[in-house]
Amino acid sequence: MGYAKVFLTMFVKRKKNRSGTTSIVVAEKTKGIYKELITIGVAKDSNEIDSLVNAGHEWISKEESRRHPQLDLYGEHIQQVRLLRWNI
């Protein structure tokens, strides 16, 4: 049985609406299929659009941290392990 390669790519997407506004969404491409994860907001002004794009990047950062937590191998976590291991 082979291993499937799955690459997750999240990005901020600007969608033009019929009304003249722009929707800012976070989308993901998995196995060649696009999926919209969340709508950050809708704006008409370029300053508002830029603000929503920044909010989208922040959302991606938080979501990636949630999906792929990082272990602190040299910080407080390792100290706690050492204390438990040697019963100090």
N, C-alpha and C. Protein backbone atom coordinates (compact mmCIF):
# COMPACT_ATOMS: atom_id res chain seq x y z
N MET A 1 0.83 -1.17 0.00
CA MET A 1 0.00 0.00 0.00
C MET A 1 0.88 1.24 0.00
N GLY A 2 0.62 2.16 -0.90
CA GLY A 2 1.44 3.37 -0.99
C GLY A 2 0.93 4.48 -0.10
N TYR A 3 1.79 5.46 0.07
CA TYR A 3 1.43 6.63 0.86
C TYR A 3 0.97 7.74 -0.06
N ALA A 4 -0.14 8.33 0.27
CA ALA A 4 -0.65 9.44 -0.53
C ALA A 4 0.00 10.74 -0.06
N LYS A 5 0.43 11.52 -1.01
CA LYS A 5 0.99 12.82 -0.69
C LYS A 5 -0.13 13.85 -0.67
N VAL A 6 -0.33 14.46 0.47
CA VAL A 6 -1.37 15.46 0.61
C VAL A 6 -0.71 16.77 1.02
N PHE A 7 -0.84 17.76 0.17
CA PHE A 7 -0.29 19.07 0.47
C PHE A 7 -1.44 20.04 0.69
N LEU A 8 -1.40 20.73 1.79
CA LEU A 8 -2.42 21.70 2.10
C LEU A 8 -1.85 23.09 1.87
N THR A 9 -2.55 23.87 1.09
CA THR A 9 -2.10 25.21 0.81
C THR A 9 -3.26 26.16 1.06
N MET A 10 -3.11 27.01 2.07
CA MET A 10 -4.13 28.02 2.35
C MET A 10 -3.64 29.37 1.83
N PHE A 11 -4.58 30.14 1.32
CA PHE A 11 -4.24 31.45 0.78
C PHE A 11 -5.45 32.37 0.87
N VAL A 12 -5.19 33.67 0.78
CA VAL A 12 -6.24 34.68 0.80
C VAL A 12 -6.63 34.97 -0.65
N LYS A 13 -7.93 34.98 -0.88
CA LYS A 13 -8.44 35.16 -2.23
C LYS A 13 -9.38 36.36 -2.26
N ARG A 14 -9.24 37.19 -3.28
CA ARG A 14 -10.14 38.34 -3.49
C ARG A 14 -11.13 37.95 -4.59
N LYS A 15 -12.42 38.05 -4.27
CA LYS A 15 -13.47 37.72 -5.24
C LYS A 15 -14.29 38.96 -5.54
N LYS A 16 -14.39 39.30 -6.81
CA LYS A 16 -15.22 40.44 -7.23
C LYS A 16 -16.68 40.00 -7.25
N ASN A 17 -17.55 40.82 -6.67
CA ASN A 17 -18.98 40.54 -6.64
C ASN A 17 -19.69 41.38 -7.70
N ARG A 18 -20.89 40.98 -8.06
CA ARG A 18 -21.67 41.72 -9.04
C ARG A 18 -21.99 43.13 -8.58
N SER A 19 -22.11 43.30 -7.28
CA SER A 19 -22.47 44.60 -6.72
C SER A 19 -21.31 45.61 -6.76
N GLY A 20 -20.13 45.16 -7.15
CA GLY A 20 -18.98 46.05 -7.18
C GLY A 20 -18.10 45.94 -5.95
N THR A 21 -18.52 45.15 -4.99
CA THR A 21 -17.72 44.93 -3.78
C THR A 21 -16.75 43.78 -4.00
N THR A 22 -15.84 43.62 -3.07
CA THR A 22 -14.87 42.53 -3.13
C THR A 22 -14.98 41.71 -1.86
N SER A 23 -15.15 40.41 -2.03
CA SER A 23 -15.17 39.49 -0.88
C SER A 23 -13.76 38.97 -0.66
N ILE A 24 -13.35 38.93 0.60
CA ILE A 24 -12.05 38.38 0.97
C ILE A 24 -12.31 37.05 1.66
N VAL A 25 -11.79 35.98 1.08
CA VAL A 25 -12.00 34.64 1.63
C VAL A 25 -10.66 33.95 1.80
N VAL A 26 -10.62 33.00 2.72
CA VAL A 26 -9.46 32.12 2.86
C VAL A 26 -9.84 30.81 2.20
N ALA A 27 -9.02 30.39 1.26
CA ALA A 27 -9.28 29.17 0.52
C ALA A 27 -8.12 28.21 0.71
N GLU A 28 -8.38 26.96 0.35
CA GLU A 28 -7.38 25.90 0.51
C GLU A 28 -7.43 25.03 -0.73
N LYS A 29 -6.29 24.59 -1.18
CA LYS A 29 -6.23 23.68 -2.30
C LYS A 29 -5.69 22.35 -1.80
N THR A 30 -6.50 21.32 -1.92
CA THR A 30 -6.12 19.98 -1.48
C THR A 30 -6.38 19.02 -2.63
N LYS A 31 -5.34 18.32 -3.05
CA LYS A 31 -5.45 17.34 -4.14
C LYS A 31 -6.06 17.96 -5.39
N GLY A 32 -5.72 19.21 -5.68
CA GLY A 32 -6.19 19.89 -6.87
C GLY A 32 -7.58 20.46 -6.78
N ILE A 33 -8.21 20.39 -5.61
CA ILE A 33 -9.57 20.89 -5.44
C ILE A 33 -9.54 22.10 -4.52
N TYR A 34 -10.16 23.19 -4.97
CA TYR A 34 -10.23 24.41 -4.16
C TYR A 34 -11.44 24.34 -3.24
N LYS A 35 -11.25 24.80 -2.00
CA LYS A 35 -12.33 24.84 -1.02
C LYS A 35 -12.21 26.14 -0.24
N GLU A 36 -13.30 26.89 -0.18
CA GLU A 36 -13.30 28.12 0.60
C GLU A 36 -13.55 27.76 2.06
N LEU A 37 -12.65 28.17 2.95
CA LEU A 37 -12.75 27.84 4.36
C LEU A 37 -13.57 28.84 5.15
N ILE A 38 -13.33 30.13 4.91
CA ILE A 38 -14.01 31.17 5.68
C ILE A 38 -14.03 32.47 4.87
N THR A 39 -15.12 33.20 5.02
CA THR A 39 -15.19 34.54 4.43
C THR A 39 -14.78 35.53 5.51
N ILE A 40 -13.72 36.26 5.24
CA ILE A 40 -13.21 37.23 6.20
C ILE A 40 -14.10 38.47 6.22
N GLY A 41 -14.53 38.92 5.05
CA GLY A 41 -15.40 40.09 4.99
C GLY A 41 -15.60 40.57 3.57
N VAL A 42 -16.41 41.62 3.44
CA VAL A 42 -16.72 42.21 2.15
C VAL A 42 -16.45 43.71 2.26
N ALA A 43 -15.79 44.27 1.25
CA ALA A 43 -15.45 45.69 1.28
C ALA A 43 -15.46 46.27 -0.13
N LYS A 44 -15.55 47.59 -0.18
CA LYS A 44 -15.49 48.30 -1.46
C LYS A 44 -14.26 49.19 -1.54
N ASP A 45 -13.86 49.76 -0.43
CA ASP A 45 -12.72 50.67 -0.33
C ASP A 45 -11.42 49.86 -0.33
N SER A 46 -10.40 50.35 -1.02
CA SER A 46 -9.13 49.62 -1.11
C SER A 46 -8.44 49.49 0.26
N ASN A 47 -8.60 50.49 1.13
CA ASN A 47 -8.02 50.40 2.47
C ASN A 47 -8.68 49.30 3.28
N GLU A 48 -10.01 49.19 3.17
CA GLU A 48 -10.73 48.13 3.86
C GLU A 48 -10.34 46.76 3.32
N ILE A 49 -10.17 46.67 2.02
CA ILE A 49 -9.76 45.41 1.39
C ILE A 49 -8.40 44.99 1.92
N ASP A 50 -7.45 45.94 1.98
CA ASP A 50 -6.12 45.63 2.50
C ASP A 50 -6.18 45.16 3.96
N SER A 51 -7.04 45.81 4.74
CA SER A 51 -7.21 45.42 6.13
C SER A 51 -7.76 44.00 6.25
N LEU A 52 -8.73 43.67 5.41
CA LEU A 52 -9.31 42.32 5.43
C LEU A 52 -8.30 41.27 4.95
N VAL A 53 -7.47 41.64 3.98
CA VAL A 53 -6.43 40.71 3.51
C VAL A 53 -5.46 40.41 4.65
N ASN A 54 -5.07 41.45 5.40
CA ASN A 54 -4.19 41.23 6.55
C ASN A 54 -4.86 40.35 7.59
N ALA A 55 -6.16 40.56 7.82
CA ALA A 55 -6.90 39.71 8.76
C ALA A 55 -6.94 38.27 8.26
N GLY A 56 -7.04 38.09 6.97
CA GLY A 56 -7.01 36.75 6.38
C GLY A 56 -5.68 36.05 6.61
N HIS A 57 -4.58 36.79 6.47
CA HIS A 57 -3.26 36.22 6.72
C HIS A 57 -3.10 35.84 8.20
N GLU A 58 -3.63 36.66 9.08
CA GLU A 58 -3.59 36.35 10.51
C GLU A 58 -4.40 35.08 10.81
N TRP A 59 -5.56 34.94 10.17
CA TRP A 59 -6.40 33.76 10.36
C TRP A 59 -5.66 32.51 9.90
N ILE A 60 -4.97 32.60 8.76
CA ILE A 60 -4.19 31.47 8.24
C ILE A 60 -3.10 31.09 9.23
N SER A 61 -2.42 32.09 9.77
CA SER A 61 -1.35 31.82 10.73
C SER A 61 -1.89 31.08 11.95
N LYS A 62 -3.01 31.54 12.50
CA LYS A 62 -3.61 30.89 13.67
C LYS A 62 -4.09 29.47 13.33
N GLU A 63 -4.67 29.31 12.16
CA GLU A 63 -5.18 27.99 11.76
C GLU A 63 -4.03 27.00 11.55
N GLU A 64 -2.94 27.45 10.95
CA GLU A 64 -1.79 26.57 10.77
C GLU A 64 -1.18 26.18 12.11
N SER A 65 -1.15 27.11 13.05
CA SER A 65 -0.66 26.79 14.39
C SER A 65 -1.58 25.79 15.08
N ARG A 66 -2.88 25.91 14.86
CA ARG A 66 -3.82 24.97 15.46
C ARG A 66 -3.69 23.58 14.83
N ARG A 67 -3.53 23.55 13.51
CA ARG A 67 -3.43 22.26 12.81
C ARG A 67 -2.10 21.56 13.06
N HIS A 68 -1.03 22.34 13.16
CA HIS A 68 0.31 21.78 13.28
C HIS A 68 1.02 22.42 14.47
N PRO A 69 0.69 22.00 15.69
CA PRO A 69 1.33 22.62 16.86
C PRO A 69 2.84 22.34 16.89
N GLN A 70 3.58 23.29 17.40
CA GLN A 70 5.03 23.18 17.49
C GLN A 70 5.42 22.83 18.92
N LEU A 71 6.33 21.89 19.07
CA LEU A 71 6.86 21.56 20.38
C LEU A 71 8.07 22.44 20.67
N ASP A 72 8.14 22.92 21.86
CA ASP A 72 9.27 23.73 22.30
C ASP A 72 10.30 22.77 22.91
N LEU A 73 11.20 22.25 22.09
CA LEU A 73 12.13 21.21 22.53
C LEU A 73 13.23 21.72 23.45
N TYR A 74 13.50 22.99 23.44
CA TYR A 74 14.61 23.50 24.23
C TYR A 74 14.18 24.50 25.28
N GLY A 75 12.91 24.64 25.49
CA GLY A 75 12.42 25.64 26.42
C GLY A 75 11.83 25.02 27.66
N GLU A 76 10.73 25.57 28.07
CA GLU A 76 10.08 25.17 29.32
C GLU A 76 9.61 23.72 29.27
N HIS A 77 9.17 23.26 28.13
CA HIS A 77 8.66 21.90 28.00
C HIS A 77 9.73 20.86 28.37
N ILE A 78 10.94 21.02 27.86
CA ILE A 78 12.00 20.05 28.14
C ILE A 78 12.40 20.10 29.61
N GLN A 79 12.34 21.27 30.22
CA GLN A 79 12.66 21.38 31.64
C GLN A 79 11.65 20.59 32.47
N GLN A 80 10.38 20.66 32.11
CA GLN A 80 9.36 19.91 32.84
C GLN A 80 9.58 18.41 32.68
N VAL A 81 9.96 17.98 31.50
CA VAL A 81 10.24 16.55 31.26
C VAL A 81 11.42 16.10 32.12
N ARG A 82 12.47 16.90 32.17
CA ARG A 82 13.64 16.54 32.98
C ARG A 82 13.27 16.44 34.46
N LEU A 83 12.49 17.38 34.94
CA LEU A 83 12.07 17.36 36.34
C LEU A 83 11.26 16.11 36.65
N LEU A 84 10.37 15.75 35.76
CA LEU A 84 9.55 14.55 35.97
C LEU A 84 10.40 13.28 35.88
N ARG A 85 11.35 13.28 34.96
CA ARG A 85 12.16 12.08 34.73
C ARG A 85 13.06 11.78 35.94
N TRP A 86 13.64 12.80 36.52
CA TRP A 86 14.56 12.59 37.63
C TRP A 86 13.89 12.82 38.98
N ASN A 87 12.59 12.98 38.98
CA ASN A 87 11.81 13.19 40.21
C ASN A 87 12.36 14.31 41.07
N ILE A 88 12.66 15.41 40.43
CA ILE A 88 13.19 16.57 41.16
C ILE A 88 12.07 17.46 41.58
